[in-house]
Protein backbone atom coordinates (compact mmCIF):
# COMPACT_ATOMS: atom_id res chain seq x y z
CA MET A 1 -19.67 -24.21 46.28
CA LEU A 2 -16.01 -24.59 45.48
CA GLN A 3 -16.56 -24.27 41.84
CA LYS A 4 -18.50 -20.91 42.66
CA LEU A 5 -16.13 -19.65 44.75
CA LYS A 6 -13.24 -20.20 42.29
CA LYS A 7 -15.64 -18.54 39.38
CA MET A 8 -16.28 -15.52 41.67
CA ILE A 9 -12.52 -15.30 42.55
CA ILE A 10 -11.58 -15.50 38.58
CA TYR A 11 -14.27 -12.51 37.96
CA VAL A 12 -12.83 -10.65 40.74
CA LEU A 13 -9.68 -10.98 39.70
CA VAL A 14 -10.36 -10.14 35.87
CA PHE A 15 -12.35 -6.89 37.10
CA LEU A 16 -9.06 -5.71 38.95
CA VAL A 17 -7.18 -6.47 36.07
CA VAL A 18 -9.50 -4.44 33.95
CA VAL A 19 -10.03 -1.67 36.30
CA ALA A 20 -6.08 -1.65 36.51
CA LEU A 21 -5.53 -1.66 32.65
CA GLY A 22 -8.22 1.46 32.17
CA ILE A 23 -6.52 3.49 34.44
CA TYR A 24 -2.52 2.63 33.17
CA ILE A 25 -4.45 3.47 29.77
CA PHE A 26 -5.94 7.07 30.90
CA MET A 27 -2.63 7.77 32.63
CA GLN A 28 -0.86 7.62 29.42
CA GLN A 29 -2.80 10.72 27.89
CA ALA A 30 -0.47 13.67 27.45
CA GLN A 31 -1.65 15.93 29.82
CA PHE A 32 -0.44 13.82 32.82
CA GLY A 33 3.35 15.23 31.28
CA GLN A 34 6.42 13.17 31.97
CA GLU A 35 8.65 12.07 34.53
CA PRO A 36 12.11 13.86 34.59
CA GLN A 37 14.65 11.49 33.01
CA GLY A 38 18.40 11.54 31.40
CA LYS A 39 20.60 14.57 31.84
CA ARG A 40 17.34 16.62 33.43
CA LEU A 41 16.90 13.96 36.16
CA GLU A 42 20.69 14.05 36.70
CA ARG A 43 20.86 17.77 37.14
CA ILE A 44 17.56 17.31 39.67
CA GLN A 45 19.77 14.21 41.73
CA LYS A 46 22.58 16.28 42.07
CA SER A 47 20.34 19.56 43.99
CA PRO A 48 20.80 20.20 47.65
CA TYR A 49 17.00 19.91 48.22
CA TYR A 50 16.30 16.55 46.29
CA LYS A 51 17.01 13.66 48.80
CA ASP A 52 15.74 10.26 48.68
CA GLY A 53 14.23 10.29 45.50
CA ALA A 54 12.07 13.49 46.03
CA PHE A 55 12.40 17.33 46.40
CA GLN A 56 12.13 18.61 50.20
CA ASN A 57 10.75 21.70 51.68
CA LEU A 58 13.27 23.10 53.90
CA SER A 59 11.48 22.53 56.92
CA PRO A 60 9.37 19.17 57.52
CA THR A 61 6.26 19.23 55.61
CA PRO A 62 3.70 16.71 56.30
CA ALA A 63 0.84 16.27 53.87
CA LEU A 64 -1.58 16.33 56.51
CA ALA A 65 -1.89 17.62 60.20
CA GLU A 66 -0.74 15.79 63.07
CA ASP A 67 -4.00 14.80 64.34
CA ALA A 68 -6.03 14.78 60.73
CA SER A 69 -6.26 11.75 58.37
CA TYR A 70 -7.93 11.40 54.92
CA TRP A 71 -11.14 9.88 56.16
CA ASP A 72 -11.44 13.27 58.14
CA ILE A 73 -11.29 14.86 54.82
CA ILE A 74 -13.57 12.45 53.57
CA LYS A 75 -16.44 13.00 56.59
CA ALA A 76 -15.79 16.67 55.79
CA GLN A 77 -16.33 16.08 52.12
CA LEU A 78 -19.46 15.07 52.40
CA GLN A 79 -21.11 17.51 54.64
CA THR A 80 -23.00 20.35 53.56
CA ILE A 81 -21.11 24.20 53.96
CA PRO A 82 -23.17 27.08 52.62
CA ASN A 83 -21.96 29.37 50.21
CA LYS A 84 -19.29 27.13 49.25
CA GLU A 85 -19.99 28.30 45.59
CA PRO A 86 -21.31 31.24 44.48
CA GLN A 87 -24.72 31.19 42.77
CA GLN A 88 -24.56 34.53 40.17
CA THR A 89 -21.93 34.82 37.88
CA ILE A 90 -18.49 36.06 39.11
CA PRO A 91 -18.02 40.13 37.71
CA SER A 92 -15.05 40.70 35.14
CA ILE A 93 -13.93 43.38 32.91
CA LYS A 94 -12.59 42.71 29.55
CA THR A 95 -9.18 44.49 29.06
CA ASP A 96 -7.52 44.66 25.51
CA LEU A 97 -4.34 42.87 26.66
CA LYS A 98 -2.70 43.51 22.94
CA ASN A 99 -2.80 47.24 23.47
CA LEU A 100 -1.72 47.80 27.13
CA SER A 101 -0.18 51.39 27.80
CA ASN A 102 3.67 50.90 28.33
CA ASP A 103 3.42 54.22 30.73
CA SER A 104 3.27 51.84 33.83
CA THR A 105 3.43 48.38 35.20
CA GLN A 106 0.17 46.51 35.15
CA ILE A 107 -1.22 43.51 36.59
CA ILE A 108 -4.23 41.54 35.11
CA TRP A 109 -5.28 38.94 37.08
CA PHE A 110 -7.80 36.19 35.55
CA GLY A 111 -8.83 34.26 38.61
CA HIS A 112 -7.40 31.98 41.06
CA SER A 113 -3.49 31.99 40.53
CA SER A 114 -3.26 33.47 36.81
CA TYR A 115 -2.26 36.99 35.97
CA LEU A 116 -0.26 38.99 33.29
CA ILE A 117 2.62 41.20 34.06
CA HIS A 118 2.60 43.86 31.64
CA THR A 119 5.71 46.09 32.29
CA ASN A 120 8.23 48.20 30.20
CA GLY A 121 6.92 47.10 26.97
CA LYS A 122 7.19 43.15 27.67
CA ASN A 123 4.74 40.27 28.86
CA ILE A 124 4.95 38.07 31.69
CA LEU A 125 2.14 35.76 32.15
CA VAL A 126 2.09 33.24 35.67
CA ASP A 127 -0.20 29.95 35.98
CA PRO A 128 -2.58 30.84 33.33
CA VAL A 129 -5.55 28.33 33.03
CA PHE A 130 -8.01 28.70 30.88
CA SER A 131 -9.47 25.69 29.87
CA GLY A 132 -12.48 26.33 32.45
CA ASN A 133 -10.94 22.97 34.63
CA ALA A 134 -8.30 22.77 37.45
CA SER A 135 -7.63 19.20 37.37
CA PRO A 136 -7.45 16.42 34.38
CA VAL A 137 -10.73 15.46 34.23
CA SER A 138 -14.17 17.78 33.32
CA PHE A 139 -16.18 16.78 36.17
CA PHE A 140 -13.98 18.00 39.26
CA GLY A 141 -12.42 21.79 39.32
CA LYS A 142 -14.98 23.28 37.12
CA ASN A 143 -14.59 27.24 37.12
CA TYR A 144 -17.31 29.56 38.82
CA GLU A 145 -19.96 31.10 36.26
CA GLY A 146 -18.09 34.49 34.73
CA SER A 147 -14.55 33.81 35.97
CA ASN A 148 -12.97 32.29 33.20
CA VAL A 149 -14.02 35.35 30.60
CA TYR A 150 -10.54 35.40 29.32
CA SER A 151 -9.11 32.67 26.79
CA VAL A 152 -5.80 31.90 24.57
CA GLU A 153 -7.11 34.44 22.07
CA ASP A 154 -6.97 37.35 24.47
CA MET A 155 -3.66 36.54 25.03
CA PRO A 156 -0.84 39.16 23.76
CA GLU A 157 2.60 37.57 22.65
CA ILE A 158 4.11 36.18 25.47
CA ASP A 159 7.80 37.24 26.19
CA ILE A 160 8.13 35.16 29.34
CA LEU A 161 5.56 32.24 30.60
CA LEU A 162 6.44 31.87 34.41
CA ILE A 163 5.36 28.46 35.81
CA THR A 164 5.49 28.00 39.84
CA HIS A 165 5.02 24.48 40.03
CA ASP A 166 3.09 21.57 37.92
CA HIS A 167 -0.17 21.10 39.88
CA TYR A 168 -3.41 21.16 37.46
CA ASP A 169 -4.53 24.82 38.78
CA HIS A 170 -1.32 25.90 38.11
CA LEU A 171 -0.28 24.33 34.76
CA ASP A 172 -2.87 23.66 32.58
CA TYR A 173 -2.14 21.39 29.58
CA PRO A 174 -4.84 22.49 27.27
CA THR A 175 -3.95 26.30 28.03
CA VAL A 176 -0.42 25.81 27.58
CA THR A 177 0.06 24.27 24.78
CA ALA A 178 -2.22 26.49 22.72
CA LEU A 179 -0.31 29.92 23.81
CA LYS A 180 2.80 27.58 22.41
CA SER A 181 3.05 29.79 19.47
CA LYS A 182 2.87 32.79 21.76
CA VAL A 183 5.41 32.20 23.81
CA LYS A 184 9.36 33.28 23.79
CA LYS A 185 10.51 31.91 26.86
CA VAL A 186 9.38 29.24 30.04
CA VAL A 187 10.71 29.86 33.04
CA THR A 188 9.71 27.13 35.41
CA SER A 189 10.99 25.14 38.50
CA LEU A 190 13.19 22.46 38.19
CA GLY A 191 12.01 19.43 36.75
CA THR A 192 8.68 21.26 35.24
CA GLY A 193 10.13 21.60 32.16
CA GLN A 194 10.05 17.84 31.29
CA HIS A 195 6.50 18.55 30.61
CA PHE A 196 7.59 21.35 28.30
CA GLU A 197 9.68 19.42 26.27
CA TYR A 198 7.17 16.47 26.08
CA TRP A 199 4.39 18.65 25.10
CA GLY A 200 6.82 19.93 22.18
CA PHE A 201 8.07 23.34 23.30
CA ASN A 202 11.71 23.90 22.51
CA PRO A 203 14.01 22.75 25.14
CA GLU A 204 16.44 25.68 24.08
CA ASN A 205 13.23 27.97 25.01
CA ILE A 206 12.84 26.54 28.78
CA ILE A 207 14.66 27.47 31.53
CA GLU A 208 14.64 26.00 34.69
CA LEU A 209 15.28 27.10 38.76
CA GLU A 210 16.00 25.76 41.31
CA TRP A 211 15.90 27.65 45.11
CA TRP A 212 18.11 30.69 44.73
CA GLN A 213 19.13 30.32 41.15
CA ASN A 214 18.38 33.20 38.63
CA ALA A 215 18.13 34.04 35.28
CA GLN A 216 17.24 36.88 33.05
CA PRO A 217 15.63 34.97 30.05
CA ILE A 218 15.40 38.97 28.47
CA GLU A 219 17.65 41.79 28.46
CA GLY A 220 16.64 44.05 32.02
CA PHE A 221 14.74 41.66 33.34
CA GLU A 222 15.93 38.75 36.27
CA ILE A 223 14.11 36.13 37.60
CA THR A 224 15.29 34.31 40.93
CA SER A 225 13.59 31.01 41.73
CA THR A 226 12.91 31.69 45.99
CA PRO A 227 11.31 28.60 47.96
CA ALA A 228 7.95 27.71 48.90
CA ARG A 229 6.43 24.74 51.35
CA HIS A 230 4.59 22.83 48.90
CA PHE A 231 4.71 20.12 46.96
CA SER A 232 4.65 18.79 43.26
CA GLY A 233 2.84 16.11 40.71
CA ARG A 234 0.31 15.63 38.09
CA LYS A 235 0.25 11.50 38.59
CA PHE A 236 0.64 9.15 42.01
CA THR A 237 4.40 9.79 42.75
CA ARG A 238 5.29 13.35 44.19
CA ASN A 239 8.11 15.78 43.92
CA LEU A 240 9.90 14.68 41.28
CA ALA A 241 9.86 18.26 40.49
CA LEU A 242 10.49 21.37 42.50
CA TRP A 243 7.96 23.89 43.58
CA SER A 244 9.05 27.61 43.53
CA SER A 245 7.77 31.05 44.24
CA TYR A 246 10.05 33.70 42.26
CA VAL A 247 11.51 37.16 42.40
CA LEU A 248 11.19 39.29 39.86
CA LYS A 249 13.14 42.44 39.00
CA THR A 250 12.18 44.40 35.91
CA PRO A 251 13.76 47.78 35.08
CA THR A 252 11.74 49.84 37.30
CA GLU A 253 10.23 47.45 39.74
CA GLN A 254 10.65 44.41 41.92
CA LEU A 255 7.64 42.43 42.48
CA TYR A 256 7.44 38.77 44.60
CA LEU A 257 5.40 36.03 42.90
CA GLY A 258 3.97 33.24 45.43
CA GLY A 259 2.69 30.44 43.86
CA ASP A 260 1.45 28.21 46.62
CA SER A 261 3.17 27.68 50.17
CA GLY A 262 2.36 27.20 53.31
CA TYR A 263 3.67 29.46 56.42
CA ASP A 264 7.01 29.19 57.33
CA SER A 265 10.44 31.38 58.00
CA HIS A 266 11.58 31.26 54.28
CA PHE A 267 9.41 34.70 53.63
CA LYS A 268 11.28 36.25 56.29
CA GLN A 269 14.71 35.24 54.63
CA ILE A 270 13.47 36.36 51.07
CA GLY A 271 12.55 39.45 53.04
CA GLU A 272 15.57 39.93 54.42
CA LYS A 273 17.82 38.84 51.10
CA PHE A 274 15.74 41.24 48.45
CA GLY A 275 14.84 44.32 50.58
CA SER A 276 11.27 45.71 50.22
CA PHE A 277 9.03 44.82 47.04
CA ASP A 278 6.71 47.17 45.36
CA LEU A 279 4.17 44.40 45.42
CA ALA A 280 3.62 40.77 46.53
CA ILE A 281 1.41 38.09 45.34
CA LEU A 282 0.36 35.61 47.67
CA GLU A 283 -2.10 32.84 47.95
CA CYS A 284 -5.00 33.30 50.20
CA GLY A 285 -7.48 30.44 49.31
CA GLN A 286 -7.73 26.74 49.26
CA TYR A 287 -6.66 26.39 52.66
CA ASN A 288 -7.90 24.04 55.62
CA TYR A 289 -6.07 22.84 58.86
CA TYR A 290 -5.98 19.64 57.43
CA TRP A 291 -3.33 20.76 54.89
CA LYS A 292 -2.08 23.61 57.10
CA TYR A 293 1.42 22.96 56.10
CA ILE A 294 0.81 23.61 52.46
CA HIS A 295 -1.26 26.52 52.28
CA MET A 296 -1.58 29.54 54.21
CA MET A 297 -4.52 30.87 56.49
CA PRO A 298 -5.63 34.27 55.24
CA GLU A 299 -3.95 35.89 58.65
CA GLU A 300 -0.90 34.21 57.60
CA VAL A 301 -0.95 35.55 54.34
CA THR A 302 -0.54 38.85 56.06
CA GLN A 303 2.16 37.86 57.91
CA ALA A 304 4.04 36.38 55.27
CA ALA A 305 3.69 40.04 53.20
CA LYS A 306 4.90 41.40 56.45
CA ASP A 307 8.08 39.27 56.80
CA LEU A 308 8.31 40.23 52.94
CA ASN A 309 8.59 43.92 53.77
CA THR A 310 6.22 44.84 50.60
CA LYS A 311 4.86 47.96 50.08
CA VAL A 312 1.21 46.12 48.92
CA LEU A 313 -0.42 42.84 49.22
CA MET A 314 -2.46 41.32 46.44
CA PRO A 315 -4.47 38.08 47.41
CA VAL A 316 -4.84 35.50 44.94
CA HIS A 317 -5.84 31.75 44.65
CA TRP A 318 -9.47 32.28 44.78
CA SER A 319 -12.66 33.43 42.81
CA LYS A 320 -12.39 31.15 40.25
CA PHE A 321 -12.74 27.11 41.76
CA THR A 322 -13.55 25.27 44.75
CA LEU A 323 -10.49 22.98 45.86
CA ALA A 324 -10.96 23.36 49.44
CA LEU A 325 -13.85 23.14 52.30
CA HIS A 326 -14.37 27.11 53.12
CA PRO A 327 -17.14 29.20 51.83
CA TRP A 328 -15.96 30.58 48.41
CA LYS A 329 -15.73 34.28 49.79
CA GLU A 330 -14.06 33.58 52.78
CA PRO A 331 -10.43 33.99 51.87
CA ILE A 332 -11.07 37.45 50.89
CA GLU A 333 -13.10 38.96 53.61
CA ARG A 334 -10.16 37.34 56.22
CA VAL A 335 -7.41 38.32 54.54
CA THR A 336 -8.15 41.87 54.07
CA LYS A 337 -9.87 42.20 57.73
CA SER A 338 -6.21 40.99 58.58
CA ALA A 339 -4.41 43.47 56.28
CA LYS A 340 -6.51 46.34 57.91
CA GLU A 341 -5.88 45.14 61.12
CA LEU A 342 -2.12 45.56 60.39
CA GLY A 343 -2.00 48.89 58.21
CA LEU A 344 -0.85 46.31 55.38
CA PRO A 345 -1.86 48.27 52.29
CA PHE A 346 -3.39 45.78 49.85
CA THR A 347 -5.41 45.64 46.19
CA ASN A 348 -8.51 43.58 45.68
CA PRO A 349 -9.17 43.82 41.74
CA ARG A 350 -12.00 42.35 39.84
CA ILE A 351 -11.04 39.57 37.31
CA GLY A 352 -9.55 41.71 34.35
CA GLU A 353 -9.34 45.18 36.20
CA PRO A 354 -5.86 46.42 35.60
CA VAL A 355 -3.73 47.08 38.97
CA VAL A 356 -1.01 49.65 38.54
CA ILE A 357 1.99 49.29 40.50
CA ASN A 358 2.70 52.09 42.28
CA GLY A 359 -0.77 53.56 41.50
CA SER A 360 -4.04 53.99 43.17
CA LEU A 361 -5.01 51.12 45.13
CA LEU A 362 -8.03 49.14 44.10
CA GLN A 363 -10.02 48.32 47.27
CA ASN A 364 -13.61 47.57 45.86
CA PRO A 365 -15.17 44.39 47.61
CA TRP A 366 -17.31 43.75 44.65
CA TRP A 367 -17.60 40.14 46.61
CA LYS A 368 -20.26 41.80 48.89
CA ASP A 369 -22.55 42.10 45.97
CA VAL A 370 -22.37 38.35 44.77
CA GLU A 371 -24.48 35.72 46.31
């Protein structure tokens, strides 16, 4: 009996070693990026937002609500949620991105948080994800049918590749590495540049900003990193790189590019500091009470737009991936309802449909025709 028990213990230990080794080997893949090191790490350690070995939010920000647990999330995941994903193809428009007019500033949304800003003859690409997945594995985070009609080949030359933070649904390894030859400058949050350098981007073309720092990557354009309430991480350790929203000043407009964020006082602070915005792009999906501090509820999105003093709200972070527990249409339905109640101008384009800044607002509820 004792001999059998010893053998069983040995088998279990061998199994655990094999599993640990498998995980270690898997995590060495390039897509997981690289933790900051060298001079970049020295700069990070001097940041006022870096304490106790990690970047911190401006306000205390627990990963989960105080009365929630990971067990609650697991149980919720096992429940059936009606209309969690669309059963029909997401409609889209295929715009020729290489021949956009220079007469106006246009924004072309690619679903979720990916979009191209074409302004004053320049192209700024934000958080592109064209690989079909919002995760490092193919069986999780797959895009909805019809939501991934754009590819790297469709992109024009990119003057600025702007990355808000290093989560997989915002920083997609297959996409950015395929874009490498088209990208002139990368602007991202402090620490995230380590991934790009590891993936073969020229360090001289990478600009990393911490909150309230700004840069002029090309003449006539200023980008300021502004706070967000979120987190970062591509492996098991969180917050080794910063997460940001951005204020983009072009020769003709001022735009707010929100990235991921829970609601907090930073929106009002940004609005007071920069005045009004011609348009604010804010996340409206992938929320839940369980993680209410790191993603906004739809009604908080419209309040954030009010705090920012924006002329127009453009809700994103929906219509491509299921990364939360709500029905897929719910974010846009709730945020547009709230915007109407508040008298807040908004635009809700189809994927690929150009939004013209200071032009007619696109307010076609196209999602109602999709089951």
